[in-house]
Amino acid sequence: MRRIPALFATVAIAEAVSWALLLTGMFFKYVVVHNEIGVRIAGPIHGAMFMAYLAVTAMQARAGGWKWWITLIALACSIPPFFTLGFERWAKSRGLLTAATGQPATQS
């Protein structure tokens, strides 16, 4: 359970990076080369990171004892590009990324 906060942070960052890859692929598809290879590669990666973020958010919310509205905001942040980064930083600054034992996420 103590590894969930670190996993949450990692997946939140990976989800944002996958957004960047997908947006880059879309730019090349529609503007530069009109070839969809970038979207074909980045699309499934982003989809997997999106689903992982939802799952890890649910695990962290339970482990950290989040209120329902914080969990809802965290889940909603998976939709706009890069919002998972902002939420992760906000949650970390408020001490919400803790393990079930109440220990900070920085301890192993």
C-alpha atoms as a PDB file:
ATOM      1  CA  MET A   1       0.000   0.000   0.000  1.00  0.00           C
ATOM      2  CA  ARG A   2       2.892   2.371   0.640  1.00  0.00           C
ATOM      3  CA  ARG A   3       3.892   2.289  -3.020  1.00  0.00           C
ATOM      4  CA  ILE A   4       0.560   3.579  -4.323  1.00  0.00           C
ATOM      5  CA  PRO A   5       1.442   7.307  -3.978  1.00  0.00           C
ATOM      6  CA  ALA A   6       4.622   6.869  -6.027  1.00  0.00           C
ATOM      7  CA  LEU A   7       2.710   4.812  -8.583  1.00  0.00           C
ATOM      8  CA  PHE A   8       0.027   7.510  -8.761  1.00  0.00           C
ATOM      9  CA  ALA A   9       2.625  10.204  -9.461  1.00  0.00           C
ATOM     10  CA  THR A  10       4.345   8.061 -12.095  1.00  0.00           C
ATOM     11  CA  VAL A  11       1.121   7.222 -13.902  1.00  0.00           C
ATOM     12  CA  ALA A  12      -0.092  10.850 -13.774  1.00  0.00           C
ATOM     13  CA  ILE A  13       3.128  11.961 -15.464  1.00  0.00           C
ATOM     14  CA  ALA A  14       3.012   9.093 -17.981  1.00  0.00           C
ATOM     15  CA  GLU A  15      -0.583   9.976 -18.876  1.00  0.00           C
ATOM     16  CA  ALA A  16       0.455  13.563 -19.612  1.00  0.00           C
ATOM     17  CA  VAL A  17       3.421  12.394 -21.705  1.00  0.00           C
ATOM     18  CA  SER A  18       1.120  10.100 -23.656  1.00  0.00           C
ATOM     19  CA  TRP A  19      -1.118  13.116 -24.339  1.00  0.00           C
ATOM     20  CA  ALA A  20       1.898  14.953 -25.757  1.00  0.00           C
ATOM     21  CA  LEU A  21       2.716  11.973 -27.981  1.00  0.00           C
ATOM     22  CA  LEU A  22      -0.860  11.729 -29.215  1.00  0.00           C
ATOM     23  CA  LEU A  23      -1.126  15.460 -29.911  1.00  0.00           C
ATOM     24  CA  THR A  24       2.184  15.344 -31.777  1.00  0.00           C
ATOM     25  CA  GLY A  25       0.932  12.397 -33.818  1.00  0.00           C
ATOM     26  CA  MET A  26      -2.273  14.288 -34.602  1.00  0.00           C
ATOM     27  CA  PHE A  27      -0.286  17.347 -35.691  1.00  0.00           C
ATOM     28  CA  PHE A  28       1.739  15.261 -38.106  1.00  0.00           C
ATOM     29  CA  LYS A  29      -1.365  13.443 -39.326  1.00  0.00           C
ATOM     30  CA  TYR A  30      -3.434  16.525 -40.073  1.00  0.00           C
ATOM     31  CA  VAL A  31      -0.828  19.224 -40.780  1.00  0.00           C
ATOM     32  CA  VAL A  32       2.572  17.919 -41.792  1.00  0.00           C
ATOM     33  CA  VAL A  33       2.622  14.572 -43.600  1.00  0.00           C
ATOM     34  CA  HIS A  34      -1.014  13.443 -43.620  1.00  0.00           C
ATOM     35  CA  ASN A  35       0.079  10.036 -42.374  1.00  0.00           C
ATOM     36  CA  GLU A  36      -1.579   8.435 -39.379  1.00  0.00           C
ATOM     37  CA  ILE A  37       1.339   6.321 -38.129  1.00  0.00           C
ATOM     38  CA  GLY A  38       1.922   8.630 -35.152  1.00  0.00           C
ATOM     39  CA  VAL A  39      -1.699   8.366 -34.070  1.00  0.00           C
ATOM     40  CA  ARG A  40      -1.679   4.595 -34.591  1.00  0.00           C
ATOM     41  CA  ILE A  41       1.254   4.296 -32.224  1.00  0.00           C
ATOM     42  CA  ALA A  42       0.416   6.995 -29.665  1.00  0.00           C
ATOM     43  CA  GLY A  43      -3.331   6.301 -29.543  1.00  0.00           C
ATOM     44  CA  PRO A  44      -3.146   2.894 -27.847  1.00  0.00           C
ATOM     45  CA  ILE A  45      -0.364   4.090 -25.550  1.00  0.00           C
ATOM     46  CA  HIS A  46      -2.474   7.032 -24.446  1.00  0.00           C
ATOM     47  CA  GLY A  47      -5.504   4.784 -24.031  1.00  0.00           C
ATOM     48  CA  ALA A  48      -3.549   2.458 -21.765  1.00  0.00           C
ATOM     49  CA  MET A  49      -2.161   5.347 -19.700  1.00  0.00           C
ATOM     50  CA  PHE A  50      -5.652   6.851 -19.418  1.00  0.00           C
ATOM     51  CA  MET A  51      -7.062   3.595 -18.068  1.00  0.00           C
ATOM     52  CA  ALA A  52      -4.066   3.136 -15.756  1.00  0.00           C
ATOM     53  CA  TYR A  53      -4.568   6.655 -14.378  1.00  0.00           C
ATOM     54  CA  LEU A  54      -8.232   5.931 -13.632  1.00  0.00           C
ATOM     55  CA  ALA A  55      -7.350   2.689 -11.850  1.00  0.00           C
ATOM     56  CA  VAL A  56      -4.463   4.129  -9.842  1.00  0.00           C
ATOM     57  CA  THR A  57      -6.550   7.179  -8.913  1.00  0.00           C
ATOM     58  CA  ALA A  58      -9.201   4.886  -7.460  1.00  0.00           C
ATOM     59  CA  MET A  59      -6.534   2.969  -5.526  1.00  0.00           C
ATOM     60  CA  GLN A  60      -4.903   6.165  -4.212  1.00  0.00           C
ATOM     61  CA  ALA A  61      -8.262   7.677  -3.266  1.00  0.00           C
ATOM     62  CA  ARG A  62      -9.065   4.613  -1.190  1.00  0.00           C
ATOM     63  CA  ALA A  63      -5.589   4.319   0.336  1.00  0.00           C
ATOM     64  CA  GLY A  64      -5.387   8.046   1.091  1.00  0.00           C
ATOM     65  CA  GLY A  65      -8.941   8.378   2.371  1.00  0.00           C
ATOM     66  CA  TRP A  66      -9.818  11.081  -0.149  1.00  0.00           C
ATOM     67  CA  LYS A  67     -13.185  12.797   0.025  1.00  0.00           C
ATOM     68  CA  TRP A  68     -15.499  11.978  -2.864  1.00  0.00           C
ATOM     69  CA  TRP A  69     -15.143  15.394  -4.479  1.00  0.00           C
ATOM     70  CA  ILE A  70     -11.344  15.161  -4.554  1.00  0.00           C
ATOM     71  CA  THR A  71     -11.611  11.779  -6.244  1.00  0.00           C
ATOM     72  CA  LEU A  72     -14.079  13.197  -8.757  1.00  0.00           C
ATOM     73  CA  ILE A  73     -11.740  16.096  -9.570  1.00  0.00           C
ATOM     74  CA  ALA A  74      -8.796  13.686  -9.949  1.00  0.00           C
ATOM     75  CA  LEU A  75     -10.791  11.531 -12.351  1.00  0.00           C
ATOM     76  CA  ALA A  76     -12.010  14.564 -14.322  1.00  0.00           C
ATOM     77  CA  CYS A  77      -8.398  15.727 -14.695  1.00  0.00           C
ATOM     78  CA  SER A  78      -7.774  12.700 -16.918  1.00  0.00           C
ATOM     79  CA  ILE A  79      -9.836  14.227 -19.719  1.00  0.00           C
ATOM     80  CA  PRO A  80      -8.160  17.558 -20.643  1.00  0.00           C
ATOM     81  CA  PRO A  81      -4.566  17.324 -21.847  1.00  0.00           C
ATOM     82  CA  PHE A  82      -1.916  17.634 -19.126  1.00  0.00           C
ATOM     83  CA  PHE A  83      -4.346  18.211 -16.229  1.00  0.00           C
ATOM     84  CA  THR A  84      -3.088  15.075 -14.481  1.00  0.00           C
ATOM     85  CA  LEU A  85       0.222  16.887 -13.929  1.00  0.00           C
ATOM     86  CA  GLY A  86      -1.510  19.809 -12.278  1.00  0.00           C
ATOM     87  CA  PHE A  87      -3.628  17.585 -10.087  1.00  0.00           C
ATOM     88  CA  GLU A  88      -0.656  15.479  -9.028  1.00  0.00           C
ATOM     89  CA  ARG A  89       1.281  18.591  -7.979  1.00  0.00           C
ATOM     90  CA  TRP A  90      -1.751  20.045  -6.210  1.00  0.00           C
ATOM     91  CA  ALA A  91      -2.437  16.791  -4.355  1.00  0.00           C
ATOM     92  CA  LYS A  92       1.216  16.448  -3.376  1.00  0.00           C
ATOM     93  CA  SER A  93       1.347  20.007  -2.044  1.00  0.00           C
ATOM     94  CA  ARG A  94      -1.754  19.344   0.085  1.00  0.00           C
ATOM     95  CA  GLY A  95      -0.431  16.084   1.517  1.00  0.00           C
ATOM     96  CA  LEU A  96      -3.011  13.952  -0.265  1.00  0.00           C
ATOM     97  CA  LEU A  97      -0.472  11.530  -1.694  1.00  0.00           C
ATOM     98  CA  THR A  98       0.013   9.415   1.369  1.00  0.00           C
ATOM     99  CA  ALA A  99      -0.124   5.716   2.045  1.00  0.00           C
ATOM    100  CA  ALA A 100      -2.789   4.040   4.128  1.00  0.00           C
ATOM    101  CA  THR A 101      -0.459   4.130   7.123  1.00  0.00           C
ATOM    102  CA  GLY A 102      -0.450   7.916   6.971  1.00  0.00           C
ATOM    103  CA  GLN A 103       3.242   8.048   6.046  1.00  0.00           C
ATOM    104  CA  PRO A 104       4.300  10.546   3.373  1.00  0.00           C
ATOM    105  CA  ALA A 105       4.732   9.180  -0.126  1.00  0.00           C
ATOM    106  CA  THR A 106       8.449  10.025  -0.130  1.00  0.00           C
ATOM    107  CA  GLN A 107       9.236   7.276   2.363  1.00  0.00           C
ATOM    108  CA  SER A 108       9.690   3.727   1.085  1.00  0.00           C
END
